[in-house]
Amino acid sequence: MRSQMNNEKQHIGQLFDRIAGTYDGLNHGLSLNIDKRWRRKTVQCMPKASHVLDVAIGTADLTIEMLKRGKAEQVTGLDLSEQMMAIGKVKVERLRSKDERLEANVDFIYGNAQQMPFDDASFDGVTCAYGCRNFSDLDAGLKEMYRVLKPGGQVTILEFSYPKNRFIRFVYDLYFSHILPFVGRIVSHDKTAYSYLNKSVKHFCWGEAFVQHLTDAGFQDAQFKPLTFGITTVYTGIKN
């Protein structure tokens, strides 16, 4: 199972390219729009920064929340899915057309989070929403985030976690193991993408275990904040 999932992670950009067209609709619909609240909570945990790197920017939902809240003057997004980023570019431009006060620049860069094409200490802040569990090497990705972050900058990560409450965990397992893969397969016409999502969440670390990975990567004062019964978690850390 784990070797199969690692193989899928090697081709993660292609997987998200295939489902890019239905990704946002499924995310918002299947979460009953709670995912939007999670991103708002994540951005609230961020200090204002001049230049933010959004790792695994995808369709730019987290970046757009940053722009709306005035948390970044410039955002550089990195992703392995060109189709997801293409949708993100359209969404950012649509937002600009609705609000002319938004002056932040957003750049979309194709690249691997474990081998970032950026100089050391290039960014005032680093974010990542639901991308870390897709890294084939989590520690390498976190160390790259640390490398490109300026001293004093904060990393802010939003990722799925596993509820501790037995009843919530039962419902969670039922949803992720059966409902999500079935609906995702019907809507996206992709047999593997949403079964991969289920597996990637179940086999990923969370809570104190993820905080330890942040600490091992060099981050100080690493903390975590569970949201919605622990279904998802916000992690933060500082580069001294």
Protein backbone atom coordinates (compact mmCIF):
# COMPACT_ATOMS: atom_id res chain seq x y z
CA MET A 1 0.00 0.00 0.00
CA ARG A 2 2.69 2.49 1.01
CA SER A 3 4.88 1.74 -2.03
CA GLN A 4 1.87 2.22 -4.30
CA MET A 5 1.11 5.55 -2.67
CA ASN A 6 4.73 6.68 -3.00
CA ASN A 7 4.53 5.87 -6.70
CA GLU A 8 1.38 7.97 -6.99
CA LYS A 9 3.16 10.86 -5.28
CA GLN A 10 5.87 10.73 -7.94
CA HIS A 11 3.19 11.64 -10.48
CA ILE A 12 1.15 13.98 -8.28
CA GLY A 13 1.22 16.82 -10.80
CA GLN A 14 -0.39 14.64 -13.45
CA LEU A 15 -3.02 13.44 -10.99
CA PHE A 16 -4.11 16.99 -10.18
CA ASP A 17 -3.94 18.00 -13.84
CA ARG A 18 -6.59 15.35 -14.53
CA ILE A 19 -9.05 16.58 -11.90
CA ALA A 20 -8.31 20.32 -12.08
CA GLY A 21 -11.59 21.19 -13.80
CA THR A 22 -13.76 19.69 -11.05
CA TYR A 23 -11.42 20.20 -8.09
CA ASP A 24 -12.87 23.42 -6.63
CA GLY A 25 -16.48 22.38 -7.01
CA LEU A 26 -15.90 19.03 -5.33
CA ASN A 27 -13.85 20.56 -2.53
CA HIS A 28 -16.44 23.16 -1.65
CA GLY A 29 -19.43 20.92 -2.21
CA LEU A 30 -18.21 17.86 -0.36
CA SER A 31 -17.00 19.93 2.59
CA LEU A 32 -20.23 21.98 2.67
CA ASN A 33 -17.96 25.03 2.17
CA ILE A 34 -16.26 24.42 5.53
CA ASP A 35 -12.93 24.36 3.67
CA LYS A 36 -13.35 28.11 3.05
CA ARG A 37 -13.59 28.68 6.80
CA TRP A 38 -10.47 26.59 7.35
CA ARG A 39 -8.53 28.80 4.97
CA ARG A 40 -9.80 31.94 6.69
CA LYS A 41 -8.63 30.54 10.03
CA THR A 42 -5.25 29.73 8.50
CA VAL A 43 -4.76 33.23 7.14
CA GLN A 44 -5.74 34.67 10.52
CA CYS A 45 -2.76 32.80 11.98
CA MET A 46 -0.40 34.56 9.55
CA PRO A 47 1.43 37.82 10.25
CA LYS A 48 1.41 40.39 7.45
CA ALA A 49 4.31 39.81 5.07
CA SER A 50 5.79 41.60 2.10
CA HIS A 51 6.48 38.53 -0.05
CA VAL A 52 4.87 35.14 0.62
CA LEU A 53 5.64 31.80 -1.01
CA ASP A 54 2.49 29.67 -1.35
CA VAL A 55 3.72 26.10 -1.80
CA ALA A 56 1.30 23.83 -3.71
CA ILE A 57 -0.72 26.92 -4.66
CA GLY A 58 -3.07 24.84 -6.82
CA THR A 59 -6.15 26.86 -7.77
CA ALA A 60 -4.99 29.69 -5.49
CA ASP A 61 -7.71 29.52 -2.82
CA LEU A 62 -5.29 30.24 0.04
CA THR A 63 -3.54 32.99 -1.93
CA ILE A 64 -6.88 34.64 -2.67
CA GLU A 65 -7.75 34.57 1.03
CA MET A 66 -4.39 36.23 1.76
CA LEU A 67 -5.12 38.96 -0.77
CA LYS A 68 -8.59 39.59 0.60
CA ARG A 69 -7.22 39.93 4.15
CA GLY A 70 -4.28 42.10 3.12
CA LYS A 71 -1.73 39.63 4.49
CA ALA A 72 0.68 39.75 1.53
CA GLU A 73 1.96 42.43 -0.84
CA GLN A 74 3.35 39.85 -3.24
CA VAL A 75 2.72 36.11 -3.58
CA THR A 76 4.76 33.55 -5.48
CA GLY A 77 2.94 30.26 -5.98
CA LEU A 78 4.74 26.96 -6.62
CA ASP A 79 3.04 23.83 -7.93
CA LEU A 80 3.57 20.71 -10.05
CA SER A 81 0.13 20.95 -11.70
CA GLU A 82 0.00 23.42 -14.56
CA GLN A 83 -3.73 22.87 -15.03
CA MET A 84 -4.48 23.74 -11.40
CA MET A 85 -2.37 26.88 -11.66
CA ALA A 86 -4.09 27.89 -14.89
CA ILE A 87 -7.40 27.91 -13.02
CA GLY A 88 -5.75 29.80 -10.17
CA LYS A 89 -4.56 32.53 -12.54
CA VAL A 90 -8.10 33.04 -13.86
CA LYS A 91 -9.47 33.25 -10.31
CA VAL A 92 -6.87 35.83 -9.25
CA GLU A 93 -7.60 37.99 -12.30
CA ARG A 94 -11.34 37.69 -11.64
CA LEU A 95 -10.75 38.88 -8.10
CA ARG A 96 -8.75 41.85 -9.36
CA SER A 97 -11.54 42.85 -11.73
CA LYS A 98 -13.99 42.91 -8.82
CA ASP A 99 -11.74 44.83 -6.44
CA GLU A 100 -9.38 47.37 -8.00
CA ARG A 101 -7.82 48.06 -4.59
CA LEU A 102 -5.97 44.75 -4.76
CA GLU A 103 -2.46 45.60 -5.88
CA ALA A 104 -0.58 42.49 -4.78
CA ASN A 105 1.37 40.71 -7.52
CA VAL A 106 0.87 36.96 -7.89
CA ASP A 107 3.34 34.81 -9.82
CA PHE A 108 2.75 31.14 -10.63
CA ILE A 109 5.87 28.97 -10.92
CA TYR A 110 6.00 25.34 -12.02
CA GLY A 111 8.33 23.50 -9.69
CA ASN A 112 8.96 20.83 -7.08
CA ALA A 113 8.57 21.76 -3.40
CA GLN A 114 11.45 19.46 -2.50
CA GLN A 115 13.82 21.24 -4.90
CA MET A 116 12.63 24.83 -4.98
CA PRO A 117 14.02 27.13 -7.68
CA PHE A 118 14.59 29.99 -5.22
CA ASP A 119 17.58 31.48 -3.42
CA ASP A 120 18.08 31.13 0.31
CA ALA A 121 16.06 33.56 2.47
CA SER A 122 13.91 34.80 -0.43
CA PHE A 123 10.52 35.09 1.30
CA ASP A 124 9.06 36.83 4.34
CA GLY A 125 6.49 34.07 4.84
CA VAL A 126 5.77 30.57 3.53
CA THR A 127 2.37 28.86 3.36
CA CYS A 128 1.08 25.49 2.21
CA ALA A 129 -2.54 24.28 2.18
CA TYR A 130 -3.14 20.55 1.75
CA GLY A 131 0.12 19.98 -0.08
CA CYS A 132 2.54 18.53 2.48
CA ARG A 133 1.02 15.05 2.52
CA ASN A 134 1.66 14.87 -1.24
CA PHE A 135 5.41 15.33 -0.83
CA SER A 136 7.32 12.14 -1.59
CA ASP A 137 9.78 13.32 1.10
CA LEU A 138 8.11 15.45 3.78
CA ASP A 139 11.34 16.36 5.57
CA ALA A 140 12.98 17.51 2.34
CA GLY A 141 9.98 19.76 1.59
CA LEU A 142 9.97 21.29 5.07
CA LYS A 143 13.72 21.89 4.95
CA GLU A 144 13.27 23.67 1.62
CA MET A 145 10.58 25.88 3.19
CA TYR A 146 13.03 26.68 5.97
CA ARG A 147 15.83 27.42 3.51
CA VAL A 148 13.89 29.92 1.39
CA LEU A 149 12.31 31.67 4.40
CA LYS A 150 13.96 34.79 5.80
CA PRO A 151 15.04 34.82 9.46
CA GLY A 152 12.06 35.92 11.56
CA GLY A 153 9.59 34.66 8.98
CA GLN A 154 6.75 32.24 9.70
CA VAL A 155 5.69 29.06 7.97
CA THR A 156 1.92 28.44 8.07
CA ILE A 157 0.61 25.04 6.99
CA LEU A 158 -2.95 23.74 6.70
CA GLU A 159 -3.30 19.98 6.45
CA PHE A 160 -5.80 17.20 7.10
CA SER A 161 -5.47 15.38 10.40
CA TYR A 162 -7.24 12.56 12.22
CA PRO A 163 -9.97 13.21 14.83
CA LYS A 164 -9.47 11.76 18.31
CA ASN A 165 -13.16 11.49 19.19
CA ARG A 166 -14.32 7.95 18.36
CA PHE A 167 -17.68 8.94 16.90
CA ILE A 168 -16.19 11.74 14.79
CA ARG A 169 -13.47 9.35 13.65
CA PHE A 170 -16.08 6.76 12.63
CA VAL A 171 -17.98 9.32 10.53
CA TYR A 172 -14.68 10.65 9.17
CA ASP A 173 -13.55 7.17 8.09
CA LEU A 174 -16.92 6.43 6.51
CA TYR A 175 -16.81 9.67 4.57
CA PHE A 176 -13.20 9.45 3.40
CA SER A 177 -13.24 5.72 2.69
CA HIS A 178 -16.55 5.45 0.83
CA ILE A 179 -18.49 8.66 0.15
CA LEU A 180 -15.65 10.89 -1.03
CA PRO A 181 -14.04 8.34 -3.41
CA PHE A 182 -17.44 7.42 -4.88
CA VAL A 183 -18.63 11.00 -5.49
CA GLY A 184 -15.18 12.09 -6.62
CA ARG A 185 -15.00 9.26 -9.14
CA ILE A 186 -18.46 10.07 -10.56
CA VAL A 187 -17.89 13.83 -10.87
CA SER A 188 -14.24 13.91 -11.92
CA HIS A 189 -14.40 10.73 -14.07
CA ASP A 190 -11.11 9.71 -12.49
CA LYS A 191 -10.93 6.28 -10.82
CA THR A 192 -7.85 6.88 -8.70
CA ALA A 193 -7.59 10.53 -7.64
CA TYR A 194 -10.03 10.53 -4.74
CA SER A 195 -9.10 7.09 -3.48
CA TYR A 196 -5.54 8.47 -3.33
CA LEU A 197 -6.82 11.39 -1.23
CA ASN A 198 -8.29 8.96 1.29
CA LYS A 199 -5.05 6.95 1.51
CA SER A 200 -2.84 10.02 1.71
CA VAL A 201 -4.74 11.37 4.71
CA LYS A 202 -4.79 8.06 6.59
CA HIS A 203 -1.05 7.48 6.18
CA PHE A 204 0.04 11.03 6.98
CA CYS A 205 1.33 12.27 10.33
CA TRP A 206 -0.55 14.90 12.31
CA GLY A 207 -0.53 16.85 15.57
CA GLU A 208 2.61 16.46 17.68
CA ALA A 209 4.17 14.14 15.11
CA PHE A 210 3.99 16.80 12.40
CA VAL A 211 5.25 19.44 14.84
CA GLN A 212 8.31 17.24 15.40
CA HIS A 213 8.99 17.25 11.65
CA LEU A 214 8.83 21.06 11.69
CA THR A 215 11.24 21.17 14.62
CA ASP A 216 13.62 18.73 12.90
CA ALA A 217 13.59 20.98 9.82
CA GLY A 218 14.85 23.85 12.00
CA PHE A 219 11.68 25.75 12.87
CA GLN A 220 11.33 27.21 16.37
CA ASP A 221 8.17 27.55 18.47
CA ALA A 222 6.35 25.02 16.26
CA GLN A 223 2.68 24.78 17.23
CA PHE A 224 -0.55 23.26 15.99
CA LYS A 225 -4.21 24.27 16.18
CA PRO A 226 -6.88 21.63 15.35
CA LEU A 227 -10.03 22.83 13.57
CA THR A 228 -13.51 21.24 13.37
CA PHE A 229 -13.01 18.32 15.79
CA GLY A 230 -9.48 17.76 14.49
CA ILE A 231 -10.48 17.06 10.89
CA THR A 232 -7.87 19.55 9.78
CA THR A 233 -5.03 21.37 11.56
CA VAL A 234 -3.08 24.62 11.23
CA TYR A 235 0.65 24.39 11.95
CA THR A 236 3.04 27.30 12.45
CA GLY A 237 6.76 27.66 13.01
CA ILE A 238 9.34 30.46 13.05
CA LYS A 239 12.79 30.66 11.46
CA ASN A 240 15.13 32.37 13.92
